[in-house]
Every structure is written in structure tokens, then in C-alpha cells.
């Protein structure tokens, strides 16, 4: 028997070891949510339709909001539609495919403050009144859009497996607030918006 011949189970000294094939590699486990996750992810994205009546009403196109209010009374008010929106989003979070909950919760809290600055939400009326004393924070539609953008960002950040709370705080609180202030200072004249 020569020195270069492999012994049972060992490769020869001058022959490379064989690489594992796909069959040798362990299969990645699926998360098991498949259809359920897809359905609730769609529910979460469709929830944004509920925000159309209030935002169109702020843009002086109140027809959808009037239809919702006429057919559903208080259950079709802008605040009620906002509640339904958050409920649908919570269904997406708990049954959909989010990876991290921190950006979702931070995004919901931050967006709620923006929405409170644009809608008359009873117990948050103090914030609405306080913010509207500052000229560049008194544009309802800008605050509402900032809230929607924060929700989009929080959903995107929740899908990132790696991310820290500093990045979440920067993207979901600091930047949107800064953008809202800058927009309130520079855009109303260009867009002809009234507070």
C-alpha cells in the first residue's frame, strides 16, 4: 500500500477534501407562517387605505370622509378610521412577518404624536392646541403625512434583522420631527397651504 492512497474515511495527503453538497448542508427551517404571514402582511398594507379619507379631507377633498361619516356616523370619523388603521397594523405585527418589535412600537408611538397634531383626538387635544401655537407645526396635512411616513419606516426597519435602537430613534423620531419642522417653515408658501 503506497503512502498516497487514502485510507478508509480519510482523503489522501495530496488530494483536496471534498466539499459538502447541498444534500450534506442542513436545511433552513421555514418560519412556519407562510400563508398566514402573507395574509396579515397584506392586511397591514391595505390598512393604509383607511387613512385616505382623513388625508384627502385635509387636502380639501372631503368626499370620502363625508361618505364614511354618513354611512358609519361616529364609527366613520377620522379618529375612528385611525383606530382601525392601528388595529390592522397590530394584526400585521403579531401575525405577520416582522423580525423586530422595537421599531414597530417606537414607530407607532411617534406616528401617534404626529397624527395627534393633525386630528382632534379628544384626550390629545392639549398637544394639538400646544403645537398649533407654533406656526410651522400648525399644518395638519404635513403632520399627518409625517405620521404615515413614520409607519412606513417602522415597518421597513422591523424587517431588518440587525439594527439598533439608536438607528430606530434617529429614523423614527429625530429625522421625521426635523423634516416636519423644515417643511412647516419652507413649504407652505410654495404649496399655498393654510394652517
N, C-alpha and C. Protein backbone atom coordinates (compact mmCIF):
# COMPACT_ATOMS: atom_id res chain seq x y z
N UNK A 1 0.86 -1.17 0.00
CA UNK A 1 0.00 0.00 0.00
C UNK A 1 0.90 1.23 0.00
N UNK A 2 0.66 2.17 -0.94
CA UNK A 2 1.52 3.35 -1.04
C UNK A 2 1.06 4.41 -0.08
N UNK A 3 1.95 5.41 0.14
CA UNK A 3 1.64 6.49 1.08
C UNK A 3 0.55 7.42 0.58
N UNK A 4 0.35 7.49 -0.74
CA UNK A 4 -0.62 8.45 -1.30
C UNK A 4 -2.03 7.89 -1.40
N UNK A 5 -2.21 6.64 -1.11
CA UNK A 5 -3.55 6.09 -1.22
C UNK A 5 -4.34 6.41 0.05
N UNK A 6 -5.61 6.84 -0.14
CA UNK A 6 -6.41 7.19 1.04
C UNK A 6 -6.77 5.94 1.83
N UNK A 7 -6.83 6.12 3.12
CA UNK A 7 -7.33 5.05 3.96
C UNK A 7 -8.82 5.28 4.12
N UNK A 8 -9.49 4.33 4.65
CA UNK A 8 -10.94 4.43 4.77
C UNK A 8 -11.33 5.66 5.58
N UNK A 9 -12.14 6.53 4.96
CA UNK A 9 -12.66 7.71 5.66
C UNK A 9 -11.76 8.90 5.64
N UNK A 10 -10.49 8.77 5.15
CA UNK A 10 -9.57 9.91 5.14
C UNK A 10 -9.14 10.18 3.72
N UNK A 11 -9.09 11.47 3.29
CA UNK A 11 -8.61 11.76 1.95
C UNK A 11 -7.10 11.60 1.92
N UNK A 12 -6.56 11.37 0.72
CA UNK A 12 -5.12 11.26 0.56
C UNK A 12 -4.47 12.59 0.89
N UNK A 13 -3.20 12.58 1.25
CA UNK A 13 -2.49 13.79 1.66
C UNK A 13 -2.44 14.84 0.56
N UNK A 14 -2.30 14.43 -0.69
CA UNK A 14 -2.20 15.41 -1.77
C UNK A 14 -3.52 15.61 -2.50
N UNK A 15 -4.60 15.04 -2.04
CA UNK A 15 -5.92 15.22 -2.64
C UNK A 15 -6.76 16.13 -1.75
N UNK A 16 -7.45 17.13 -2.37
CA UNK A 16 -8.28 18.02 -1.55
C UNK A 16 -9.48 17.29 -0.97
N UNK A 17 -9.88 17.75 0.18
CA UNK A 17 -11.07 17.17 0.80
C UNK A 17 -12.29 17.57 -0.03
N UNK A 18 -13.25 16.70 -0.09
CA UNK A 18 -14.46 17.02 -0.88
C UNK A 18 -15.30 18.04 -0.13
N UNK A 19 -15.91 18.93 -0.92
CA UNK A 19 -16.78 19.95 -0.33
C UNK A 19 -18.15 19.35 -0.10
N UNK A 20 -18.80 19.81 0.95
CA UNK A 20 -20.14 19.27 1.20
C UNK A 20 -21.11 19.71 0.11
N UNK A 21 -21.99 18.85 -0.26
CA UNK A 21 -23.00 19.18 -1.27
C UNK A 21 -24.23 19.73 -0.58
N UNK A 22 -25.20 20.13 -1.41
CA UNK A 22 -26.45 20.66 -0.84
C UNK A 22 -27.12 19.63 0.05
N UNK A 23 -26.94 18.36 -0.31
CA UNK A 23 -27.58 17.32 0.48
C UNK A 23 -26.94 17.22 1.86
N UNK A 24 -25.64 17.57 1.96
CA UNK A 24 -24.94 17.49 3.24
C UNK A 24 -25.27 18.66 4.16
N UNK A 25 -25.65 19.82 3.55
CA UNK A 25 -25.92 21.01 4.37
C UNK A 25 -27.27 20.89 5.03
N UNK A 26 -27.38 21.37 6.27
CA UNK A 26 -28.68 21.30 6.93
C UNK A 26 -29.65 22.28 6.27
N UNK A 27 -30.87 21.85 6.13
CA UNK A 27 -31.91 22.70 5.54
C UNK A 27 -32.30 23.79 6.54
N UNK A 28 -32.52 25.01 5.99
CA UNK A 28 -33.01 26.09 6.85
C UNK A 28 -34.47 25.84 7.15
N UNK A 29 -34.81 26.01 8.38
CA UNK A 29 -36.19 25.82 8.79
C UNK A 29 -37.01 27.02 8.35
N UNK A 30 -38.16 26.77 7.77
CA UNK A 30 -39.04 27.89 7.44
C UNK A 30 -39.73 28.33 8.71
N UNK A 31 -40.15 29.58 8.72
CA UNK A 31 -40.74 30.12 9.94
C UNK A 31 -42.11 29.54 10.22
N UNK A 32 -42.68 28.81 9.27
CA UNK A 32 -43.93 28.13 9.53
C UNK A 32 -45.14 29.00 9.36
N UNK A 33 -44.98 30.27 9.03
CA UNK A 33 -46.11 31.18 8.92
C UNK A 33 -46.66 31.28 7.52
N UNK A 34 -45.87 31.03 6.51
CA UNK A 34 -46.23 31.06 5.10
C UNK A 34 -47.45 31.87 4.73
N UNK A 35 -48.57 31.19 4.56
CA UNK A 35 -49.81 31.83 4.10
C UNK A 35 -50.32 32.82 5.15
N UNK A 36 -50.27 32.43 6.41
CA UNK A 36 -50.73 33.32 7.48
C UNK A 36 -49.97 34.63 7.46
N UNK A 37 -48.64 34.56 7.36
CA UNK A 37 -47.83 35.78 7.33
C UNK A 37 -48.16 36.62 6.12
N UNK A 38 -48.32 36.01 4.98
CA UNK A 38 -48.63 36.74 3.76
C UNK A 38 -49.96 37.47 3.90
N UNK A 39 -50.97 36.77 4.41
CA UNK A 39 -52.30 37.37 4.57
C UNK A 39 -52.24 38.57 5.50
N UNK A 40 -51.57 38.44 6.65
CA UNK A 40 -51.54 39.54 7.60
C UNK A 40 -50.61 40.66 7.15
N UNK A 41 -49.61 40.35 6.36
CA UNK A 41 -48.80 41.42 5.77
C UNK A 41 -49.65 42.24 4.81
N UNK A 42 -50.48 41.57 4.02
CA UNK A 42 -51.38 42.28 3.10
C UNK A 42 -52.38 43.12 3.89
N UNK A 43 -52.92 42.55 4.97
CA UNK A 43 -53.85 43.31 5.83
C UNK A 43 -53.18 44.59 6.32
N UNK A 44 -51.92 44.48 6.74
CA UNK A 44 -51.19 45.66 7.23
C UNK A 44 -51.01 46.72 6.17
N UNK A 45 -50.72 46.30 4.93
CA UNK A 45 -50.53 47.30 3.86
C UNK A 45 -51.86 47.87 3.40
N UNK A 46 -52.92 47.06 3.39
CA UNK A 46 -54.24 47.55 2.99
C UNK A 46 -54.78 48.54 4.03
N UNK A 47 -54.30 48.43 5.25
CA UNK A 47 -54.74 49.35 6.31
C UNK A 47 -54.51 50.81 5.94
N UNK A 48 -53.52 51.07 5.11
CA UNK A 48 -53.23 52.44 4.72
C UNK A 48 -54.38 53.07 3.94
N UNK A 49 -55.25 52.25 3.36
CA UNK A 49 -56.42 52.77 2.65
C UNK A 49 -57.33 53.51 3.64
N UNK A 50 -57.35 53.08 4.90
CA UNK A 50 -58.19 53.72 5.90
C UNK A 50 -57.77 55.18 6.17
N UNK A 51 -56.54 55.52 5.81
CA UNK A 51 -56.07 56.88 6.03
C UNK A 51 -56.42 57.83 4.88
N UNK A 52 -56.90 57.29 3.78
CA UNK A 52 -57.24 58.14 2.64
C UNK A 52 -58.32 59.18 2.95
N UNK A 53 -59.46 58.79 3.56
CA UNK A 53 -60.48 59.81 3.81
C UNK A 53 -59.98 61.01 4.64
N UNK A 54 -59.27 60.78 5.77
CA UNK A 54 -58.80 61.95 6.52
C UNK A 54 -57.80 62.81 5.76
N UNK A 55 -56.85 62.17 5.08
CA UNK A 55 -55.84 62.97 4.41
C UNK A 55 -56.43 63.72 3.22
N UNK A 56 -57.35 63.12 2.49
CA UNK A 56 -58.00 63.82 1.38
C UNK A 56 -58.86 64.96 1.90
N UNK A 57 -59.48 64.75 3.05
CA UNK A 57 -60.27 65.83 3.66
C UNK A 57 -59.38 67.02 4.02
N UNK A 58 -58.18 66.75 4.52
CA UNK A 58 -57.23 67.83 4.84
C UNK A 58 -56.76 68.56 3.59
N UNK A 59 -56.79 67.85 2.46
CA UNK A 59 -56.38 68.45 1.19
C UNK A 59 -57.57 69.05 0.44
N UNK A 60 -58.64 69.33 1.18
CA UNK A 60 -59.85 69.98 0.65
C UNK A 60 -60.61 69.10 -0.36
N UNK A 61 -60.54 67.78 -0.16
CA UNK A 61 -61.34 66.84 -0.95
C UNK A 61 -62.07 65.92 0.03
N UNK A 62 -63.12 66.44 0.67
CA UNK A 62 -63.74 65.71 1.79
C UNK A 62 -64.75 64.63 1.40
N UNK A 63 -64.91 64.33 0.12
CA UNK A 63 -65.97 63.42 -0.30
C UNK A 63 -65.88 62.04 0.36
N UNK A 64 -64.70 61.43 0.38
CA UNK A 64 -64.57 60.10 1.01
C UNK A 64 -64.88 60.14 2.49
N UNK A 65 -64.41 61.17 3.15
CA UNK A 65 -64.67 61.29 4.59
C UNK A 65 -66.15 61.49 4.84
N UNK A 66 -66.80 62.28 4.00
CA UNK A 66 -68.24 62.50 4.15
C UNK A 66 -69.02 61.21 3.95
N UNK A 67 -68.61 60.40 2.99
CA UNK A 67 -69.26 59.10 2.75
C UNK A 67 -69.09 58.20 3.97
N UNK A 68 -67.86 58.14 4.50
CA UNK A 68 -67.59 57.30 5.67
C UNK A 68 -68.42 57.76 6.86
N UNK A 69 -68.48 59.06 7.08
CA UNK A 69 -69.23 59.60 8.22
C UNK A 69 -70.73 59.41 8.02
N UNK A 70 -71.22 59.59 6.80
CA UNK A 70 -72.65 59.44 6.53
C UNK A 70 -73.09 57.99 6.74
N UNK A 71 -72.26 57.04 6.33
CA UNK A 71 -72.64 55.63 6.44
C UNK A 71 -72.37 55.02 7.80
N UNK A 72 -71.35 55.51 8.48
CA UNK A 72 -70.94 54.89 9.74
C UNK A 72 -71.08 55.79 10.96
N UNK A 73 -71.53 57.01 10.77
CA UNK A 73 -71.66 58.01 11.85
C UNK A 73 -70.32 58.17 12.56
N UNK A 74 -70.30 58.06 13.90
CA UNK A 74 -69.04 58.24 14.63
C UNK A 74 -68.02 57.15 14.31
N UNK A 75 -68.49 56.00 13.90
CA UNK A 75 -67.60 54.89 13.57
C UNK A 75 -66.82 55.16 12.28
N UNK A 76 -67.22 56.20 11.54
CA UNK A 76 -66.53 56.56 10.31
C UNK A 76 -65.77 57.87 10.43
N UNK A 77 -65.65 58.39 11.64
CA UNK A 77 -64.93 59.65 11.85
C UNK A 77 -63.44 59.46 11.58
N UNK A 78 -62.70 60.54 11.34
CA UNK A 78 -61.25 60.40 11.12
C UNK A 78 -60.53 59.68 12.26
N UNK A 79 -60.93 59.96 13.49
CA UNK A 79 -60.29 59.32 14.64
C UNK A 79 -60.61 57.82 14.66
N UNK A 80 -61.85 57.44 14.33
CA UNK A 80 -62.22 56.03 14.28
C UNK A 80 -61.43 55.31 13.19
N UNK A 81 -61.28 55.95 12.03
CA UNK A 81 -60.51 55.34 10.95
C UNK A 81 -59.05 55.16 11.37
N UNK A 82 -58.53 56.10 12.13
CA UNK A 82 -57.17 55.97 12.65
C UNK A 82 -57.05 54.79 13.61
N UNK A 83 -58.05 54.60 14.45
CA UNK A 83 -58.06 53.45 15.37
C UNK A 83 -58.09 52.14 14.58
N UNK A 84 -58.94 52.06 13.54
CA UNK A 84 -58.99 50.85 12.71
C UNK A 84 -57.65 50.60 12.05
N UNK A 85 -57.02 51.67 11.60
CA UNK A 85 -55.70 51.59 10.97
C UNK A 85 -54.69 50.95 11.92
N UNK A 86 -54.64 51.45 13.16
CA UNK A 86 -53.70 50.88 14.13
C UNK A 86 -54.05 49.43 14.48
N UNK A 87 -55.33 49.11 14.56
CA UNK A 87 -55.72 47.73 14.84
C UNK A 87 -55.25 46.79 13.74
N UNK A 88 -55.43 47.21 12.49
CA UNK A 88 -54.96 46.39 11.36
C UNK A 88 -53.44 46.24 11.39
N UNK A 89 -52.74 47.31 11.74
CA UNK A 89 -51.29 47.24 11.83
C UNK A 89 -50.85 46.31 12.95
N UNK A 90 -51.55 46.33 14.07
CA UNK A 90 -51.21 45.42 15.17
C UNK A 90 -51.42 43.96 14.75
N UNK A 91 -52.47 43.71 13.96
CA UNK A 91 -52.66 42.35 13.44
C UNK A 91 -51.47 41.94 12.59
N UNK A 92 -50.99 42.87 11.77
CA UNK A 92 -49.82 42.59 10.93
C UNK A 92 -48.60 42.28 11.79
N UNK A 93 -48.41 43.06 12.84
CA UNK A 93 -47.24 42.87 13.70
C UNK A 93 -47.27 41.50 14.38
N UNK A 94 -48.41 41.14 14.93
CA UNK A 94 -48.47 39.92 15.72
C UNK A 94 -48.59 38.65 14.88
N UNK A 95 -49.16 38.75 13.69
CA UNK A 95 -49.35 37.55 12.88
C UNK A 95 -48.58 37.59 11.56
N UNK A 96 -47.97 38.72 11.24
CA UNK A 96 -47.21 38.86 10.00
C UNK A 96 -45.77 38.43 10.19
N UNK A 97 -44.88 39.01 9.38
CA UNK A 97 -43.50 38.52 9.35
C UNK A 97 -42.49 39.51 9.91
N UNK A 98 -42.87 40.34 10.84
CA UNK A 98 -41.90 41.26 11.43
C UNK A 98 -40.83 40.49 12.18
N UNK A 99 -39.61 41.02 12.15
CA UNK A 99 -38.50 40.40 12.85
C UNK A 99 -38.25 41.07 14.21
N UNK A 100 -38.36 42.41 14.23
CA UNK A 100 -38.06 43.16 15.45
C UNK A 100 -39.27 43.99 15.83
N UNK A 101 -39.58 44.00 17.12
CA UNK A 101 -40.75 44.74 17.58
C UNK A 101 -40.41 46.16 18.03
N UNK A 102 -39.16 46.42 18.40
CA UNK A 102 -38.78 47.74 18.91
C UNK A 102 -39.09 48.86 17.91
N UNK A 103 -38.69 48.74 16.64
CA UNK A 103 -39.01 49.83 15.72
C UNK A 103 -40.51 49.97 15.47
N UNK A 104 -41.23 48.87 15.53
CA UNK A 104 -42.67 48.93 15.32
C UNK A 104 -43.33 49.74 16.44
N UNK A 105 -42.99 49.39 17.68
CA UNK A 105 -43.61 50.08 18.82
C UNK A 105 -43.19 51.55 18.87
N UNK A 106 -41.91 51.82 18.61
CA UNK A 106 -41.44 53.20 18.58
C UNK A 106 -42.10 53.98 17.45
N UNK A 107 -42.24 53.34 16.29
CA UNK A 107 -42.89 53.98 15.16
C UNK A 107 -44.35 54.28 15.43
N UNK A 108 -45.03 53.37 16.09
CA UNK A 108 -46.45 53.60 16.40
C UNK A 108 -46.62 54.74 17.38
N UNK A 109 -45.75 54.80 18.39
CA UNK A 109 -45.82 55.89 19.37
C UNK A 109 -45.52 57.23 18.70
N UNK A 110 -44.46 57.27 17.91
CA UNK A 110 -44.08 58.51 17.24
C UNK A 110 -45.14 58.95 16.24
N UNK A 111 -45.65 58.01 15.45
CA UNK A 111 -46.68 58.37 14.46
C UNK A 111 -47.95 58.84 15.15
N UNK A 112 -48.27 58.27 16.32
CA UNK A 112 -49.46 58.71 17.03
C UNK A 112 -49.35 60.17 17.46
N UNK A 113 -48.14 60.59 17.83
CA UNK A 113 -47.94 62.00 18.17
C UNK A 113 -48.15 62.89 16.94
N UNK A 114 -47.65 62.45 15.79
CA UNK A 114 -47.86 63.22 14.56
C UNK A 114 -49.34 63.25 14.19
N UNK A 115 -50.02 62.11 14.30
CA UNK A 115 -51.45 62.08 14.00
C UNK A 115 -52.24 62.93 14.99
N UNK A 116 -51.79 62.96 16.25
CA UNK A 116 -52.47 63.79 17.25
C UNK A 116 -52.32 65.27 16.95
N UNK A 117 -51.28 65.63 16.23
CA UNK A 117 -51.07 67.02 15.85
C UNK A 117 -51.86 67.38 14.59
N UNK A 118 -52.50 66.39 13.98
CA UNK A 118 -53.25 66.67 12.76
C UNK A 118 -54.74 66.40 12.89
N UNK A 119 -55.14 65.59 13.87
CA UNK A 119 -56.55 65.27 14.09
C UNK A 119 -56.95 65.67 15.51
N UNK A 120 -58.20 65.95 15.69
CA UNK A 120 -58.70 66.30 17.01
C UNK A 120 -59.04 65.00 17.76
N UNK A 121 -58.02 64.45 18.42
CA UNK A 121 -58.20 63.23 19.21
C UNK A 121 -58.43 63.68 20.65
N UNK A 122 -59.65 63.53 21.12
CA UNK A 122 -60.10 64.04 22.41
C UNK A 122 -59.05 64.21 23.49
N UNK A 123 -58.50 63.12 24.00
CA UNK A 123 -57.57 63.21 25.13
C UNK A 123 -56.22 63.79 24.73
N UNK A 124 -55.95 63.94 23.43
CA UNK A 124 -54.69 64.54 22.96
C UNK A 124 -54.90 65.97 22.47
N UNK A 125 -56.04 66.53 22.78
CA UNK A 125 -56.34 67.89 22.31
C UNK A 125 -55.30 68.90 22.84
N UNK A 126 -54.76 68.67 24.03
CA UNK A 126 -53.75 69.58 24.59
C UNK A 126 -52.53 69.67 23.69
N UNK A 127 -52.12 68.53 23.10
CA UNK A 127 -50.96 68.54 22.20
C UNK A 127 -51.30 69.29 20.92
N UNK A 128 -52.47 69.05 20.39
CA UNK A 128 -52.92 69.73 19.18
C UNK A 128 -52.91 71.25 19.39
N UNK A 129 -53.51 71.69 20.50
CA UNK A 129 -53.56 73.13 20.79
C UNK A 129 -52.17 73.72 21.00
N UNK A 130 -51.33 73.00 21.72
CA UNK A 130 -49.98 73.46 22.00
C UNK A 130 -49.15 73.58 20.73
N UNK A 131 -49.20 72.55 19.88
CA UNK A 131 -48.41 72.56 18.65
C UNK A 131 -48.91 73.62 17.67
N UNK A 132 -50.21 73.87 17.66
CA UNK A 132 -50.75 74.84 16.72
C UNK A 132 -50.50 76.29 17.14
N UNK A 133 -49.92 76.49 18.29
CA UNK A 133 -49.47 77.83 18.67
C UNK A 133 -48.15 78.18 18.00
N UNK A 134 -47.45 77.15 17.48
CA UNK A 134 -46.18 77.35 16.77
C UNK A 134 -46.51 77.31 15.28
N UNK A 135 -46.25 78.40 14.55
CA UNK A 135 -46.69 78.47 13.15
C UNK A 135 -46.23 77.30 12.28
N UNK A 136 -44.99 76.86 12.38
CA UNK A 136 -44.51 75.81 11.48
C UNK A 136 -44.96 74.41 11.88
N UNK A 137 -45.67 74.27 13.00
CA UNK A 137 -46.24 72.97 13.39
C UNK A 137 -47.76 72.93 13.22
N UNK A 138 -48.32 73.97 12.66
CA UNK A 138 -49.78 74.08 12.60
C UNK A 138 -50.38 73.63 11.27
N UNK A 139 -49.66 72.84 10.49
CA UNK A 139 -50.17 72.34 9.21
C UNK A 139 -50.57 70.88 9.38
N UNK A 140 -51.87 70.66 9.48
CA UNK A 140 -52.39 69.32 9.76
C UNK A 140 -51.92 68.28 8.75
N UNK A 141 -51.99 68.63 7.48
CA UNK A 141 -51.66 67.65 6.45
C UNK A 141 -50.19 67.23 6.53
N UNK A 142 -49.32 68.15 6.88
CA UNK A 142 -47.89 67.80 6.99
C UNK A 142 -47.65 66.85 8.17
N UNK A 143 -48.30 67.12 9.28
CA UNK A 143 -48.16 66.22 10.43
C UNK A 143 -48.73 64.84 10.13
N UNK A 144 -49.84 64.81 9.41
CA UNK A 144 -50.46 63.54 9.06
C UNK A 144 -49.55 62.73 8.15
N UNK A 145 -48.98 63.39 7.14
CA UNK A 145 -48.07 62.71 6.22
C UNK A 145 -46.81 62.24 6.96
N UNK A 146 -46.33 63.04 7.91
CA UNK A 146 -45.17 62.61 8.71
C UNK A 146 -45.51 61.33 9.48
N UNK A 147 -46.72 61.24 10.01
CA UNK A 147 -47.14 60.03 10.71
C UNK A 147 -47.16 58.81 9.80
N UNK A 148 -47.65 58.99 8.57
CA UNK A 148 -47.69 57.89 7.61
C UNK A 148 -46.28 57.46 7.24
N UNK A 149 -45.39 58.42 7.01
CA UNK A 149 -44.00 58.10 6.66
C UNK A 149 -43.33 57.32 7.79
N UNK A 150 -43.59 57.72 9.03
CA UNK A 150 -43.00 57.02 10.17
C UNK A 150 -43.49 55.57 10.23
N UNK A 151 -44.76 55.35 9.93
CA UNK A 151 -45.28 53.98 9.91
C UNK A 151 -44.59 53.15 8.84
N UNK A 152 -44.43 53.73 7.64
CA UNK A 152 -43.72 53.02 6.57
C UNK A 152 -42.29 52.67 7.02
N UNK A 153 -41.61 53.64 7.60
CA UNK A 153 -40.24 53.41 8.05
C UNK A 153 -40.17 52.34 9.14
N UNK A 154 -41.11 52.39 10.08
CA UNK A 154 -41.09 51.40 11.17
C UNK A 154 -41.33 50.00 10.63
N UNK A 155 -42.21 49.87 9.63
CA UNK A 155 -42.44 48.56 9.03
C UNK A 155 -41.19 48.07 8.31
N UNK A 156 -40.50 48.98 7.62
CA UNK A 156 -39.27 48.59 6.92
C UNK A 156 -38.18 48.21 7.92
N UNK A 157 -38.02 48.99 8.98
CA UNK A 157 -36.99 48.69 9.98
C UNK A 157 -37.28 47.40 10.74
N UNK A 158 -38.55 47.08 10.90
CA UNK A 158 -38.89 45.86 11.64
C UNK A 158 -38.46 44.61 10.89
N UNK A 159 -38.35 44.71 9.58
CA UNK A 159 -37.93 43.56 8.79
C UNK A 159 -36.41 43.36 8.80
N UNK A 160 -35.67 44.38 9.24
CA UNK A 160 -34.21 44.26 9.31
C UNK A 160 -33.84 43.45 10.55
N UNK A 161 -33.11 42.39 10.34
CA UNK A 161 -32.75 41.55 11.49
C UNK A 161 -31.74 42.24 12.40
N UNK A 162 -30.86 43.03 11.77
CA UNK A 162 -29.87 43.75 12.56
C UNK A 162 -30.23 45.22 12.54
N UNK A 163 -30.16 45.82 13.67
CA UNK A 163 -30.45 47.24 13.79
C UNK A 163 -30.49 47.56 15.27
N UNK A 164 -30.11 48.75 15.59
CA UNK A 164 -30.08 49.14 16.98
C UNK A 164 -31.11 50.19 17.30
N UNK A 165 -31.30 50.40 18.57
CA UNK A 165 -32.30 51.37 18.98
C UNK A 165 -31.90 52.79 18.62
N UNK A 166 -30.59 53.07 18.50
CA UNK A 166 -30.16 54.41 18.09
C UNK A 166 -30.59 54.71 16.66
N UNK A 167 -30.43 53.74 15.78
CA UNK A 167 -30.88 53.91 14.39
C UNK A 167 -32.39 54.07 14.34
N UNK A 168 -33.10 53.26 15.12
CA UNK A 168 -34.56 53.37 15.18
C UNK A 168 -34.98 54.75 15.66
N UNK A 169 -34.35 55.23 16.72
CA UNK A 169 -34.68 56.55 17.27
C UNK A 169 -34.40 57.66 16.26
N UNK A 170 -33.28 57.56 15.58
CA UNK A 170 -32.91 58.57 14.59
C UNK A 170 -33.91 58.59 13.43
N UNK A 171 -34.24 57.42 12.89
CA UNK A 171 -35.10 57.35 11.70
C UNK A 171 -36.58 57.50 12.00
N UNK A 172 -36.99 57.19 13.22
CA UNK A 172 -38.43 57.22 13.52
C UNK A 172 -38.87 58.42 14.36
N UNK A 173 -37.92 59.12 14.96
CA UNK A 173 -38.30 60.27 15.79
C UNK A 173 -37.57 61.53 15.34
N UNK A 174 -36.25 61.50 15.37
CA UNK A 174 -35.46 62.71 15.13
C UNK A 174 -35.62 63.23 13.70
N UNK A 175 -35.36 62.38 12.71
CA UNK A 175 -35.46 62.83 11.32
C UNK A 175 -36.87 63.25 10.92
N UNK A 176 -37.91 62.48 11.24
CA UNK A 176 -39.26 62.94 10.88
C UNK A 176 -39.65 64.26 11.55
N UNK A 177 -39.26 64.43 12.82
CA UNK A 177 -39.58 65.68 13.51
C UNK A 177 -38.83 66.85 12.86
N UNK A 178 -37.56 66.64 12.54
CA UNK A 178 -36.79 67.68 11.86
C UNK A 178 -37.36 68.00 10.49
N UNK A 179 -37.75 66.95 9.76
CA UNK A 179 -38.34 67.16 8.43
C UNK A 179 -39.67 67.89 8.53
N UNK A 180 -40.46 67.59 9.56
CA UNK A 180 -41.74 68.28 9.75
C UNK A 180 -41.52 69.76 10.03
N UNK A 181 -40.55 70.08 10.89
CA UNK A 181 -40.25 71.49 11.20
C UNK A 181 -39.77 72.20 9.95
N UNK A 182 -38.84 71.57 9.21
CA UNK A 182 -38.32 72.19 7.99
C UNK A 182 -39.42 72.39 6.96
N UNK A 183 -40.28 71.38 6.79
CA UNK A 183 -41.38 71.50 5.83
C UNK A 183 -42.34 72.61 6.25
N UNK A 184 -42.61 72.70 7.54
CA UNK A 184 -43.51 73.75 8.03
C UNK A 184 -42.94 75.14 7.86
N UNK A 185 -41.63 75.25 7.82
CA UNK A 185 -41.00 76.56 7.66
C UNK A 185 -40.90 76.97 6.19
N UNK A 186 -40.65 76.01 5.30
CA UNK A 186 -40.32 76.36 3.92
C UNK A 186 -41.37 76.00 2.88
N UNK A 187 -42.19 74.97 3.10
CA UNK A 187 -43.11 74.52 2.07
C UNK A 187 -44.46 75.23 1.98
N UNK A 188 -45.03 75.72 3.08
CA UNK A 188 -46.39 76.29 2.96
C UNK A 188 -46.50 77.41 1.92
N UNK A 189 -45.51 78.27 1.85
CA UNK A 189 -45.55 79.34 0.86
C UNK A 189 -45.51 78.80 -0.55
N UNK A 190 -44.69 77.77 -0.76
CA UNK A 190 -44.56 77.18 -2.09
C UNK A 190 -45.82 76.40 -2.50
N UNK A 191 -46.44 75.72 -1.54
CA UNK A 191 -47.59 74.89 -1.84
C UNK A 191 -48.92 75.60 -1.63
N UNK A 192 -48.88 76.80 -1.07
CA UNK A 192 -50.09 77.55 -0.81
C UNK A 192 -50.96 76.92 0.27
N UNK A 193 -50.32 76.32 1.27
CA UNK A 193 -51.07 75.67 2.37
C UNK A 193 -51.44 76.69 3.42
N UNK A 194 -52.61 76.47 3.99
CA UNK A 194 -53.03 77.30 5.13
C UNK A 194 -53.04 76.42 6.36
N UNK A 195 -52.66 76.98 7.52
CA UNK A 195 -52.67 76.17 8.74
C UNK A 195 -54.08 75.73 9.12
